[in-house]
Protein backbone atom coordinates (compact mmCIF):
# COMPACT_ATOMS: atom_id res chain seq x y z
CA MET A 1 0.00 0.00 0.00
CA LEU A 2 1.03 3.56 -0.63
CA ASN A 3 2.21 4.96 2.67
CA THR A 4 3.02 8.57 3.51
CA HIS A 5 6.67 8.14 2.51
CA TYR A 6 5.66 7.52 -1.11
CA GLN A 7 2.85 10.06 -1.19
CA VAL A 8 5.48 12.77 -1.62
CA TYR A 9 5.73 11.66 -5.26
CA ILE A 10 2.04 12.29 -5.97
CA LYS A 11 1.83 15.52 -3.99
CA ASN A 12 2.18 17.63 -7.15
CA ASN A 13 0.02 15.33 -9.28
CA ILE A 14 -3.52 16.68 -9.40
CA PHE A 15 -4.87 13.55 -11.11
CA LEU A 16 -3.56 11.07 -8.56
CA LYS A 17 -4.48 13.24 -5.57
CA LEU A 18 -8.10 13.21 -6.74
CA LEU A 19 -7.96 9.58 -7.81
CA LEU A 20 -6.20 7.97 -4.87
CA GLY A 21 -6.50 10.47 -2.05
CA ARG A 22 -4.00 10.57 0.81
CA LYS A 23 -5.14 7.46 2.70
CA LYS A 24 -3.31 4.19 2.61
CA PHE A 25 -6.27 2.18 1.28
CA PHE A 26 -5.94 3.75 -2.13
CA LEU A 27 -6.90 0.59 -4.07
CA LEU A 28 -10.28 0.41 -2.31
CA ARG A 29 -10.93 4.05 -3.19
CA PHE A 30 -10.00 3.41 -6.80
CA LEU A 31 -12.12 0.24 -6.91
CA ALA A 32 -15.11 2.28 -5.74
CA ILE A 33 -14.49 4.76 -8.58
CA LEU A 34 -14.34 1.90 -11.09
CA ILE A 35 -17.59 0.40 -9.82
CA SER A 36 -19.24 3.81 -10.22
CA TRP A 37 -18.11 3.93 -13.85
CA TYR A 38 -19.55 0.48 -14.55
CA CYS A 39 -22.83 1.36 -12.84
CA VAL A 40 -23.23 4.51 -14.94
CA GLY A 41 -22.43 2.55 -18.10
CA GLY A 42 -24.95 -0.14 -17.16
CA ILE A 43 -27.70 2.45 -16.53
CA ILE A 44 -27.07 4.08 -19.93
CA CYS A 45 -27.20 0.70 -21.67
CA PHE A 46 -30.36 -0.26 -19.80
CA PHE A 47 -32.25 2.75 -21.15
CA ASP A 48 -30.66 2.40 -24.61
CA LYS A 49 -31.47 -1.33 -24.63
CA THR A 50 -27.83 -2.14 -25.40
CA LEU A 51 -27.05 -4.44 -22.47
CA THR A 52 -26.90 -7.11 -25.16
CA ILE A 53 -27.19 -6.45 -28.88
CA GLN A 54 -28.55 -8.91 -31.38
CA GLY A 55 -26.32 -9.48 -34.42
CA LYS A 56 -22.66 -8.66 -34.84
CA ASN A 57 -22.47 -5.48 -32.73
CA VAL A 58 -21.28 -5.61 -29.13
CA GLY A 59 -23.36 -4.65 -26.10
CA TYR A 60 -22.54 -3.86 -22.47
CA PHE A 61 -22.26 -7.43 -21.22
CA GLU A 62 -20.61 -8.61 -24.44
CA ASP A 63 -17.87 -5.99 -24.47
CA ILE A 64 -14.94 -7.97 -23.11
CA THR A 65 -12.54 -5.09 -23.65
CA PHE A 66 -14.65 -2.79 -21.48
CA TRP A 67 -14.56 -5.25 -18.58
CA VAL A 68 -10.90 -6.12 -19.05
CA LEU A 69 -9.99 -2.42 -18.86
CA GLY A 70 -11.18 -2.39 -15.26
CA LEU A 71 -8.73 -5.15 -14.35
CA VAL A 72 -5.97 -3.43 -16.34
CA GLN A 73 -6.50 -0.20 -14.42
CA LEU A 74 -6.30 -1.98 -11.07
CA VAL A 75 -2.96 -3.44 -12.19
CA LEU A 76 -1.78 -0.01 -13.32
CA VAL A 77 -2.74 1.78 -10.12
CA TYR A 78 -1.10 -0.92 -8.01
CA SER A 79 1.95 -0.66 -10.27
CA ILE A 80 2.35 3.03 -9.40
CA SER A 81 2.79 2.06 -5.75
CA ASN A 82 5.00 -0.92 -6.60
CA ILE A 83 7.28 1.09 -8.89
CA LEU A 84 7.72 3.88 -6.34
CA LYS A 85 8.54 1.39 -3.59
CA LYS A 86 11.18 -0.32 -5.70
CA PHE A 87 12.46 3.08 -6.80
CA GLU A 88 13.03 4.07 -3.15
CA THR A 89 14.81 0.75 -2.53
CA VAL A 90 17.17 1.49 -5.41
CA MET A 91 17.74 5.05 -4.20
CA SER A 92 18.65 3.83 -0.72
CA GLN A 93 21.07 1.23 -2.11
CA LEU A 94 22.80 3.46 -4.67
CA PRO A 95 25.32 5.02 -2.23
CA THR A 96 26.77 1.58 -1.48
CA LEU A 97 26.72 0.58 -5.13
CA LEU A 98 28.50 3.65 -6.48
CA THR A 99 31.24 4.12 -3.89
CA ASN A 100 33.57 1.57 -5.45
CA ASP A 101 37.19 2.79 -5.76
CA ILE A 102 36.50 6.09 -3.96
CA SER A 103 39.49 7.25 -1.92
CA GLU A 104 39.11 8.55 1.63
CA ASN A 105 40.23 12.02 0.55
CA THR A 106 37.40 12.40 -1.93
CA LYS A 107 34.75 10.33 -0.14
CA ALA A 108 33.03 13.27 1.60
CA GLU A 109 32.96 15.27 -1.61
CA PHE A 110 31.57 12.32 -3.54
CA GLU A 111 28.87 11.67 -0.93
CA MET A 112 27.74 15.31 -1.20
CA PHE A 113 27.66 15.04 -5.00
CA LEU A 114 25.69 11.79 -4.76
CA HIS A 115 23.17 13.28 -2.33
CA GLU A 116 22.56 16.25 -4.62
CA GLU A 117 22.13 14.05 -7.69
CA LEU A 118 19.70 11.71 -5.96
CA GLU A 119 17.63 14.67 -4.78
CA LYS A 120 17.47 15.89 -8.37
CA ILE A 121 16.18 12.48 -9.44
CA ARG A 122 13.54 12.47 -6.68
CA ASN A 123 12.39 15.97 -7.59
CA TYR A 124 12.11 14.99 -11.25
CA VAL A 125 9.97 11.94 -10.47
CA ALA A 126 7.82 13.98 -8.06
CA ILE A 127 7.19 16.60 -10.82
CA LYS A 128 8.77 19.38 -8.75
CA THR A 129 11.03 20.90 -11.40
CA PRO A 130 10.05 22.96 -14.48
CA THR A 131 11.64 20.34 -16.74
CA SER A 132 9.78 17.44 -15.17
CA ARG A 133 6.48 19.34 -15.27
CA ARG A 134 6.99 20.03 -18.96
CA HIS A 135 7.85 16.37 -19.62
CA TYR A 136 4.90 15.20 -17.55
CA TRP A 137 2.38 17.24 -19.55
CA ILE A 138 3.97 16.08 -22.80
CA CYS A 139 3.35 12.54 -21.54
CA VAL A 140 -0.29 13.38 -20.77
CA ALA A 141 -0.70 14.99 -24.19
CA GLY A 142 0.73 11.87 -25.87
CA TRP A 143 -1.85 9.65 -24.21
CA SER A 144 -4.56 12.19 -25.10
CA ILE A 145 -3.68 11.65 -28.75
CA LEU A 146 -4.53 7.97 -28.32
CA VAL A 147 -7.99 9.00 -27.10
CA TYR A 148 -8.45 11.05 -30.24
CA ILE A 149 -7.24 8.25 -32.53
CA PHE A 150 -9.27 5.37 -31.06
CA GLN A 151 -12.33 7.18 -29.77
CA ILE A 152 -12.83 10.01 -32.25
CA HIS A 153 -10.85 9.68 -35.49
CA ILE A 154 -11.38 5.98 -36.26
CA PRO A 155 -15.09 5.74 -35.23
CA ILE A 156 -16.02 8.88 -37.20
CA PHE A 157 -13.81 8.65 -40.28
CA PHE A 158 -13.27 4.88 -40.49
CA PRO A 159 -16.44 3.22 -39.14
CA GLN A 160 -16.15 -0.54 -38.68
CA GLU A 161 -18.66 -3.22 -39.61
CA LYS A 162 -18.68 -4.55 -36.07
CA VAL A 163 -18.87 -1.87 -33.37
CA ALA A 164 -19.27 -1.76 -29.61
CA TRP A 165 -21.84 0.32 -27.74
CA THR A 166 -19.15 2.91 -26.82
CA ILE A 167 -17.65 3.71 -30.23
CA SER A 168 -20.51 4.53 -32.57
CA PRO A 169 -21.70 8.18 -32.40
CA THR A 170 -24.53 7.49 -34.84
CA LEU A 171 -25.93 4.18 -33.53
CA TYR A 172 -25.35 4.69 -29.82
CA PRO A 173 -24.82 8.43 -29.14
CA ARG A 174 -25.20 8.27 -25.35
CA GLY A 175 -22.99 5.22 -25.16
CA TYR A 176 -20.45 7.00 -27.35
CA ILE A 177 -20.30 10.04 -25.02
CA PHE A 178 -19.82 7.69 -22.08
CA GLY A 179 -17.10 5.84 -24.03
CA LEU A 180 -15.28 9.11 -24.75
CA LEU A 181 -15.26 10.09 -21.08
CA TRP A 182 -14.24 6.55 -20.14
CA ALA A 183 -11.34 6.66 -22.61
CA ILE A 184 -10.15 9.98 -21.17
CA PHE A 185 -10.22 8.45 -17.69
CA VAL A 186 -8.38 5.28 -18.75
CA TYR A 187 -5.71 6.80 -20.98
CA VAL A 188 -5.21 10.35 -19.72
CA VAL A 189 -5.66 9.83 -15.98
CA VAL A 190 -4.60 6.25 -15.24
CA ALA A 191 -2.34 5.03 -18.05
CA SER A 192 -0.41 8.27 -18.54
CA ASN A 193 0.43 8.54 -14.83
CA THR A 194 1.54 4.92 -14.62
CA PHE A 195 3.73 5.44 -17.65
CA TRP A 196 5.17 8.64 -16.17
CA TYR A 197 6.25 7.05 -12.89
CA GLY A 198 7.54 3.93 -14.61
CA TYR A 199 9.44 5.86 -17.25
CA SER A 200 10.77 8.66 -15.02
CA THR A 201 12.09 6.31 -12.34
CA THR A 202 13.79 3.83 -14.68
CA PHE A 203 15.07 6.45 -17.11
CA LYS A 204 16.57 8.70 -14.45
CA ILE A 205 18.04 5.92 -12.32
CA PHE A 206 19.63 3.94 -15.12
CA SER A 207 20.86 7.03 -16.95
CA PHE A 208 22.66 8.06 -13.78
CA ILE A 209 24.12 4.60 -13.21
CA ARG A 210 25.23 4.19 -16.84
CA SER A 211 28.23 6.50 -16.51
CA PHE A 212 29.48 4.55 -13.49
CA ALA A 213 28.90 1.23 -15.23
CA LYS A 214 30.88 2.28 -18.30
CA HIS A 215 33.93 3.05 -16.14
CA ASN A 216 33.58 -0.16 -14.08
CA ARG A 217 32.88 1.78 -10.90
CA LEU A 218 29.92 -0.28 -9.74
CA LEU A 219 30.40 -2.43 -6.68
CA ILE A 220 29.40 -5.81 -8.12
CA VAL A 221 29.85 -8.82 -5.83
CA PRO A 222 29.81 -12.06 -7.90
CA ILE A 223 29.17 -14.20 -4.83
CA ALA A 224 26.51 -11.93 -3.30
CA PRO A 225 23.69 -13.75 -1.45
CA ASP A 226 21.05 -12.57 -3.94
CA GLY A 227 22.82 -14.53 -6.69
CA LYS A 228 22.76 -11.47 -8.97
CA GLY A 229 25.93 -9.66 -8.02
CA GLY A 230 24.11 -7.71 -5.31
CA LEU A 231 22.06 -5.89 -7.98
CA GLU A 232 18.72 -7.66 -7.66
CA TYR A 233 16.91 -4.43 -6.80
CA LEU A 234 17.89 -2.92 -10.18
CA GLY A 235 16.37 -5.81 -12.11
CA SER A 236 13.34 -5.66 -9.83
CA LEU A 237 12.68 -1.99 -10.70
CA SER A 238 12.95 -2.63 -14.44
CA PHE A 239 10.65 -5.65 -14.20
CA ALA A 240 8.08 -3.65 -12.19
CA PHE A 241 7.87 -1.16 -15.07
CA THR A 242 7.58 -4.04 -17.54
CA ILE A 243 4.73 -5.59 -15.53
CA ALA A 244 2.84 -2.29 -15.68
CA SER A 245 3.49 -1.99 -19.42
CA SER A 246 2.46 -5.59 -20.07
CA SER A 247 -0.99 -5.10 -18.56
CA GLY A 248 -2.05 -3.97 -22.02
CA MET A 249 -1.67 -7.59 -23.12
CA LEU A 250 -5.04 -8.22 -21.46
CA ILE A 251 -6.56 -5.69 -23.84
CA VAL A 252 -4.83 -7.36 -26.80
CA VAL A 253 -6.30 -10.73 -25.76
CA SER A 254 -9.79 -9.21 -25.44
CA TRP A 255 -9.52 -7.63 -28.89
CA ILE A 256 -8.39 -10.90 -30.43
CA LEU A 257 -11.29 -12.76 -28.82
CA LEU A 258 -13.87 -10.07 -29.55
CA TYR A 259 -13.00 -8.94 -33.05
CA GLY A 260 -10.86 -11.81 -34.33
CA LEU A 261 -7.24 -11.76 -35.39
CA THR A 262 -6.71 -9.24 -38.17
CA PRO A 263 -3.41 -8.39 -39.94
CA ALA A 264 -3.38 -4.97 -38.27
CA LEU A 265 -3.90 -6.52 -34.83
CA LEU A 266 -1.19 -9.10 -35.49
CA VAL A 267 1.31 -6.39 -36.45
CA SER A 268 0.34 -4.33 -33.39
CA PHE A 269 0.81 -7.37 -31.15
CA CYS A 270 4.30 -8.03 -32.56
CA LEU A 271 5.31 -4.39 -32.10
CA TYR A 272 3.92 -4.40 -28.57
CA THR A 273 5.92 -7.52 -27.70
CA ILE A 274 9.10 -5.94 -29.05
CA GLY A 275 8.33 -2.81 -27.03
CA LEU A 276 8.00 -4.85 -23.83
CA ALA A 277 11.36 -6.52 -24.46
CA ILE A 278 12.96 -3.12 -25.00
CA ALA A 279 11.33 -1.70 -21.85
CA PHE A 280 12.73 -4.58 -19.79
CA PHE A 281 16.20 -5.16 -21.22
CA LEU A 282 17.32 -1.75 -22.51
CA PRO A 283 17.56 0.02 -19.11
CA LEU A 284 19.66 -2.90 -17.84
CA LEU A 285 22.03 -3.07 -20.79
CA SER A 286 24.84 -1.04 -19.17
CA ILE A 287 24.40 -3.10 -15.97
CA HIS A 288 24.69 -6.26 -18.07
CA PHE A 289 28.04 -5.24 -19.55
CA ALA A 290 29.32 -4.16 -16.12
CA MET A 291 28.29 -7.50 -14.59
CA LYS A 292 29.86 -9.40 -17.48
CA THR A 293 33.15 -7.56 -16.99
CA ALA A 294 33.06 -7.97 -13.20
CA LYS A 295 32.41 -11.69 -13.52
CA LYS A 296 35.26 -12.14 -15.99
CA ASN A 297 37.67 -10.17 -13.78
CA GLU A 298 36.66 -12.01 -10.62
CA LEU A 299 37.05 -15.43 -12.23
CA HIS A 300 40.46 -14.40 -13.54
CA ARG A 301 41.48 -13.09 -10.10
CA LEU A 302 40.38 -16.26 -8.29
CA SER A 303 42.02 -18.44 -10.92
CA THR A 304 45.30 -16.55 -10.48
CA ILE A 305 45.15 -16.88 -6.67
CA PHE A 306 44.42 -20.59 -6.96
CA ARG A 307 47.21 -21.15 -9.46
CA ASN A 308 49.78 -19.24 -7.39
CA SER A 309 48.82 -20.99 -4.17
CA TYR A 310 48.87 -24.38 -5.84
CA SER A 311 52.30 -23.64 -7.29
CA GLU A 312 53.62 -22.81 -3.82
CA LEU A 313 52.18 -26.06 -2.54
CA HIS A 314 53.59 -28.04 -5.44
CA ASN A 315 57.06 -26.53 -5.09
CA SER A 316 57.30 -26.89 -1.32
CA ASN A 317 59.68 -29.38 0.26
CA VAL A 318 56.97 -30.93 2.38
CA SER A 319 57.01 -34.70 2.65
CA THR A 320 54.55 -36.48 0.38
CA ASN A 321 53.37 -38.45 3.37
CA LEU A 322 51.10 -35.79 4.85
CA LEU A 323 50.24 -37.80 7.92
CA LEU A 324 53.91 -38.08 8.94
CA SER A 325 54.94 -34.59 7.89
CA THR A 326 56.11 -32.20 10.57
CA ASN A 327 54.59 -29.43 8.43
CA GLU A 328 51.16 -31.04 8.41
CA PRO A 329 49.37 -27.95 9.83
CA THR A 330 50.83 -25.81 7.07
CA MET A 331 49.86 -28.34 4.45
CA THR A 332 46.32 -28.66 5.83
CA HIS A 333 45.94 -24.90 5.86
CA ARG A 334 47.05 -24.63 2.22
CA ILE A 335 44.72 -27.40 1.07
CA GLY A 336 41.83 -25.76 2.95
CA PHE A 337 42.67 -22.43 1.35
CA LEU A 338 42.62 -24.00 -2.12
CA ALA A 339 39.25 -25.59 -1.36
CA ASP A 340 37.86 -22.21 -0.28
CA ILE A 341 39.12 -20.53 -3.45
CA ASP A 342 37.62 -23.33 -5.52
CA GLN A 343 34.26 -22.83 -3.79
CA LEU A 344 34.42 -19.08 -4.39
CA TYR A 345 35.27 -19.67 -8.05
CA HIS A 346 32.26 -21.92 -8.60
CA GLY A 347 30.05 -19.42 -6.77
CA ALA A 348 31.23 -16.57 -8.99
CA GLU A 349 30.84 -18.77 -12.06
CA LYS A 350 27.13 -19.18 -11.32
CA MET A 351 26.50 -15.43 -11.19
CA PRO A 352 24.28 -14.35 -14.10
CA VAL A 353 25.36 -11.40 -16.21
CA TRP A 354 21.92 -9.76 -15.88
CA PRO A 355 20.47 -8.56 -12.53
CA PHE A 356 17.75 -11.22 -12.61
CA ASN A 357 17.51 -15.00 -12.79
CA ILE A 358 15.76 -17.58 -14.95
CA GLU A 359 12.55 -17.25 -12.91
CA THR A 360 12.22 -13.62 -13.99
CA ILE A 361 12.74 -14.62 -17.63
CA ILE A 362 9.99 -17.23 -17.29
CA LYS A 363 7.66 -14.60 -15.84
CA PHE A 364 8.49 -12.24 -18.69
CA PHE A 365 7.74 -14.79 -21.40
CA THR A 366 4.58 -15.87 -19.61
CA LEU A 367 3.28 -12.34 -20.21
CA ILE A 368 3.32 -12.91 -23.96
CA VAL A 369 2.80 -16.68 -24.30
CA ILE A 370 -0.94 -16.63 -23.52
CA PRO A 371 -1.76 -13.98 -26.18
CA ILE A 372 0.35 -15.95 -28.68
CA LEU A 373 -1.56 -19.16 -27.92
CA ILE A 374 -4.90 -17.37 -28.30
CA ALA A 375 -3.72 -15.81 -31.57
CA PHE A 376 -2.76 -19.24 -32.92
CA GLY A 377 -6.12 -20.55 -31.76
CA GLN A 378 -7.88 -17.85 -33.75
CA ILE A 379 -5.77 -18.66 -36.81
CA ALA A 380 -6.40 -22.40 -36.48
CA THR A 381 -10.16 -21.93 -36.09
CA GLN A 382 -10.40 -19.06 -38.60
CA ASN A 383 -11.61 -16.67 -35.88
CA LYS A 384 -14.34 -19.04 -34.72
CA LEU A 385 -13.30 -18.45 -31.12
CA SER A 386 -14.79 -14.95 -31.42
CA ALA A 387 -18.13 -16.30 -32.67
CA TRP A 388 -18.21 -18.94 -29.93
CA LEU A 389 -17.46 -16.40 -27.24
CA GLN A 390 -20.08 -13.95 -28.44
CA GLY A 391 -22.57 -16.82 -28.54
CA LEU A 392 -22.14 -17.28 -24.80
CA PHE A 393 -23.97 -13.99 -24.27
């Protein structure tokens, strides 16, 4: 839940202050707002007799996309909290990550520089600076363009054969007005703010880290307990943004099931999948190269230590009969040391060169596998899944 520590980031955001309030049970407040939207839509459809529509058009209960959007918005609103929490975790860990190879003479100066830079990042995310306010409203304007394209331009200038109760100004005028307001709420209020916090946190954090990564000044520990060089929190932030971005896959699935798989939808799905991959991997690219270099250097260092120690052992004049040797304690110590180095080497060898593990990769591909399976199902049945699903209503 969004506690007071994270509310500082939405203090200057008029949309989220109205949407979520300042109480910790923000999801319940948002759920109540969603239920109100669905009640209003149901009342309009009741009087317009469009709760269900005979024929190919789509009514209130048949509009899968309309219902899925509610779930998508819950994911997005929760993602705002999740992203900001992970962002704060990264911010708190950065001082220990970026102090590698800093001398004692310059440590105080560097800590002051780091504090100032992190405050700049926080102020940018919290929309406190003129630059961030300008970028934020550009983001809102960009999502407003999507409202125009999908809710105004296409329905008016390119009417479709099969339409839903919210996108036909001629057949369902009251439903269309509701759909326009609903689209503004979904895209301009909810989606744009989720995108802003996801983009601003990942972009600012990883842009700042990139310069350190390029000069191998990140403190990467190949045998760290998290199994990711001590950088798990960086991969976690990037994946949180990807999870928020991937919520749109639910809409893609609903479109495929409702309207069938068209060439345009197939191309959009492919581009969307590529975009998700870029959103996840691109911010971590500099971290990947830094981890790859650190792993290579650490393995080389441990190998050199092992080889030198083994050479000393091999060249010593200790008796081959260890049990009778007067230098047995020395020999035992050396063998134990070699065993420890060998264990460290194998531990470092297992470190991945990305700040996540195979489980995260599986989660990522799971986000796109289900839509792919449904798309293939539509192709195999020649879009009969859509007809079957609409027949249920």
